[in-house]
N, C-alpha and C. Protein backbone atom coordinates (compact mmCIF):
# COMPACT_ATOMS: atom_id res chain seq x y z
N MET A 1 -104.81 70.01 37.52
CA MET A 1 -104.64 68.67 38.02
C MET A 1 -103.97 68.77 39.38
N VAL A 2 -104.50 68.04 40.34
CA VAL A 2 -103.93 67.99 41.69
C VAL A 2 -103.69 66.54 42.03
N LYS A 3 -102.48 66.23 42.46
CA LYS A 3 -102.15 64.88 42.89
C LYS A 3 -101.77 64.94 44.36
N LEU A 4 -102.44 64.17 45.17
CA LEU A 4 -102.16 64.15 46.61
C LEU A 4 -101.67 62.78 47.02
N ASP A 5 -100.68 62.76 47.86
CA ASP A 5 -100.18 61.50 48.40
C ASP A 5 -100.71 61.35 49.82
N PHE A 6 -101.89 60.70 49.94
CA PHE A 6 -102.53 60.58 51.23
C PHE A 6 -101.75 59.71 52.21
N GLU A 7 -101.03 58.72 51.72
CA GLU A 7 -100.29 57.84 52.62
C GLU A 7 -99.26 58.64 53.41
N LYS A 8 -98.51 59.48 52.75
CA LYS A 8 -97.52 60.29 53.46
C LYS A 8 -98.21 61.27 54.40
N ALA A 9 -99.35 61.82 54.01
CA ALA A 9 -100.07 62.76 54.87
C ALA A 9 -100.54 62.06 56.14
N TYR A 10 -101.06 60.85 56.01
CA TYR A 10 -101.52 60.12 57.19
C TYR A 10 -100.36 59.78 58.11
N ASP A 11 -99.21 59.51 57.56
CA ASP A 11 -98.06 59.12 58.37
C ASP A 11 -97.48 60.28 59.17
N SER A 12 -97.69 61.52 58.72
CA SER A 12 -96.97 62.62 59.35
C SER A 12 -97.85 63.68 60.01
N VAL A 13 -99.17 63.59 59.93
CA VAL A 13 -100.04 64.62 60.50
C VAL A 13 -100.95 64.02 61.56
N ASP A 14 -100.91 64.60 62.75
CA ASP A 14 -101.81 64.20 63.83
C ASP A 14 -103.12 64.96 63.64
N ASN A 15 -104.24 64.26 63.69
CA ASN A 15 -105.54 64.88 63.44
C ASN A 15 -105.85 66.02 64.41
N LYS A 16 -105.51 65.86 65.68
CA LYS A 16 -105.77 66.93 66.65
C LYS A 16 -104.90 68.15 66.33
N PHE A 17 -103.67 67.92 65.94
CA PHE A 17 -102.79 69.03 65.57
C PHE A 17 -103.34 69.75 64.34
N LEU A 18 -103.80 68.98 63.36
CA LEU A 18 -104.37 69.58 62.16
C LEU A 18 -105.57 70.44 62.52
N ASP A 19 -106.44 69.94 63.39
CA ASP A 19 -107.62 70.71 63.80
C ASP A 19 -107.20 72.01 64.49
N LEU A 20 -106.21 71.94 65.36
CA LEU A 20 -105.73 73.16 66.03
C LEU A 20 -105.16 74.16 65.02
N CYS A 21 -104.46 73.67 64.02
CA CYS A 21 -103.93 74.56 62.97
C CYS A 21 -105.06 75.21 62.20
N LEU A 22 -106.10 74.44 61.88
CA LEU A 22 -107.24 74.99 61.14
C LEU A 22 -107.98 76.03 61.98
N ILE A 23 -108.12 75.79 63.29
CA ILE A 23 -108.72 76.78 64.18
C ILE A 23 -107.89 78.06 64.16
N GLY A 24 -106.58 77.91 64.27
CA GLY A 24 -105.69 79.06 64.27
C GLY A 24 -105.74 79.86 62.97
N MET A 25 -106.07 79.18 61.89
CA MET A 25 -106.16 79.85 60.58
C MET A 25 -107.55 80.44 60.34
N GLY A 26 -108.46 80.25 61.29
CA GLY A 26 -109.78 80.85 61.19
C GLY A 26 -110.85 80.01 60.53
N PHE A 27 -110.60 78.72 60.32
CA PHE A 27 -111.61 77.85 59.73
C PHE A 27 -112.71 77.59 60.75
N GLY A 28 -113.95 77.62 60.28
CA GLY A 28 -115.09 77.35 61.14
C GLY A 28 -115.30 75.86 61.34
N GLN A 29 -116.23 75.54 62.23
CA GLN A 29 -116.52 74.14 62.58
C GLN A 29 -116.96 73.34 61.35
N ARG A 30 -117.75 73.94 60.47
CA ARG A 30 -118.24 73.23 59.30
C ARG A 30 -117.08 72.75 58.42
N TRP A 31 -116.14 73.65 58.11
CA TRP A 31 -115.01 73.27 57.25
C TRP A 31 -114.07 72.31 57.95
N ARG A 32 -113.85 72.51 59.25
CA ARG A 32 -112.99 71.58 59.99
C ARG A 32 -113.60 70.19 60.01
N GLY A 33 -114.92 70.12 60.14
CA GLY A 33 -115.60 68.83 60.11
C GLY A 33 -115.49 68.14 58.76
N ARG A 34 -115.61 68.93 57.70
CA ARG A 34 -115.48 68.37 56.35
C ARG A 34 -114.07 67.83 56.11
N ILE A 35 -113.08 68.60 56.50
CA ILE A 35 -111.70 68.17 56.33
C ILE A 35 -111.43 66.92 57.16
N SER A 36 -111.92 66.91 58.39
CA SER A 36 -111.74 65.75 59.26
C SER A 36 -112.37 64.50 58.66
N SER A 37 -113.58 64.64 58.11
CA SER A 37 -114.23 63.46 57.51
C SER A 37 -113.49 62.98 56.28
N CYS A 38 -112.88 63.90 55.54
CA CYS A 38 -112.12 63.50 54.35
C CYS A 38 -110.89 62.69 54.72
N ILE A 39 -110.22 63.03 55.81
CA ILE A 39 -109.01 62.31 56.14
C ILE A 39 -109.24 61.14 57.08
N SER A 40 -110.48 60.99 57.60
CA SER A 40 -110.73 59.89 58.53
C SER A 40 -111.40 58.69 57.85
N THR A 41 -111.75 58.82 56.59
CA THR A 41 -112.37 57.72 55.87
C THR A 41 -111.57 57.43 54.60
N PRO A 42 -111.46 56.16 54.21
CA PRO A 42 -110.71 55.87 53.00
C PRO A 42 -111.50 56.11 51.72
N MET A 43 -112.77 56.49 51.83
CA MET A 43 -113.60 56.72 50.64
C MET A 43 -113.93 58.21 50.56
N ILE A 44 -113.64 58.82 49.41
CA ILE A 44 -113.98 60.22 49.20
C ILE A 44 -114.52 60.41 47.79
N SER A 45 -115.13 61.56 47.56
CA SER A 45 -115.50 61.98 46.22
C SER A 45 -115.03 63.42 46.07
N VAL A 46 -114.94 63.89 44.86
CA VAL A 46 -114.47 65.25 44.61
C VAL A 46 -115.49 65.99 43.78
N LEU A 47 -115.45 67.31 43.86
CA LEU A 47 -116.34 68.15 43.08
C LEU A 47 -115.65 68.49 41.77
N VAL A 48 -116.27 68.08 40.67
CA VAL A 48 -115.73 68.34 39.33
C VAL A 48 -116.81 69.07 38.53
N ASN A 49 -116.50 70.29 38.14
CA ASN A 49 -117.47 71.09 37.38
C ASN A 49 -118.83 71.14 38.08
N GLU A 50 -118.81 71.38 39.38
CA GLU A 50 -120.00 71.52 40.22
C GLU A 50 -120.81 70.24 40.36
N SER A 51 -120.22 69.09 40.05
CA SER A 51 -120.88 67.79 40.23
C SER A 51 -119.96 66.87 41.01
N LEU A 52 -120.54 66.12 41.95
CA LEU A 52 -119.74 65.18 42.73
C LEU A 52 -119.37 63.97 41.88
N SER A 53 -118.12 63.54 42.01
CA SER A 53 -117.69 62.33 41.33
C SER A 53 -118.18 61.11 42.10
N MET A 54 -118.00 59.96 41.52
CA MET A 54 -118.26 58.71 42.24
C MET A 54 -117.24 58.61 43.37
N GLU A 55 -117.62 57.96 44.48
CA GLU A 55 -116.68 57.76 45.58
C GLU A 55 -115.58 56.82 45.13
N PHE A 56 -114.38 57.08 45.66
CA PHE A 56 -113.26 56.19 45.36
C PHE A 56 -112.43 56.02 46.61
N ASP A 57 -111.69 54.94 46.65
CA ASP A 57 -110.89 54.54 47.81
C ASP A 57 -109.52 55.25 47.75
N ILE A 58 -109.15 55.89 48.86
CA ILE A 58 -107.83 56.53 48.93
C ILE A 58 -106.90 55.75 49.84
N GLY A 59 -107.39 54.64 50.40
CA GLY A 59 -106.61 53.88 51.37
C GLY A 59 -105.64 52.95 50.81
């Protein structure tokens, strides 16, 4: 089980800074794009047992 508090994450992380950190850690453009889309939209879905869940609002 993973519980994430997105509100606190949005309040304290600058998207450009996050991207620079991901570049520094060796993440490629594909993964950086996926992470960026996850934090830039209030609707996400998760992979559960190799199947995508229904989208839900994180905003």
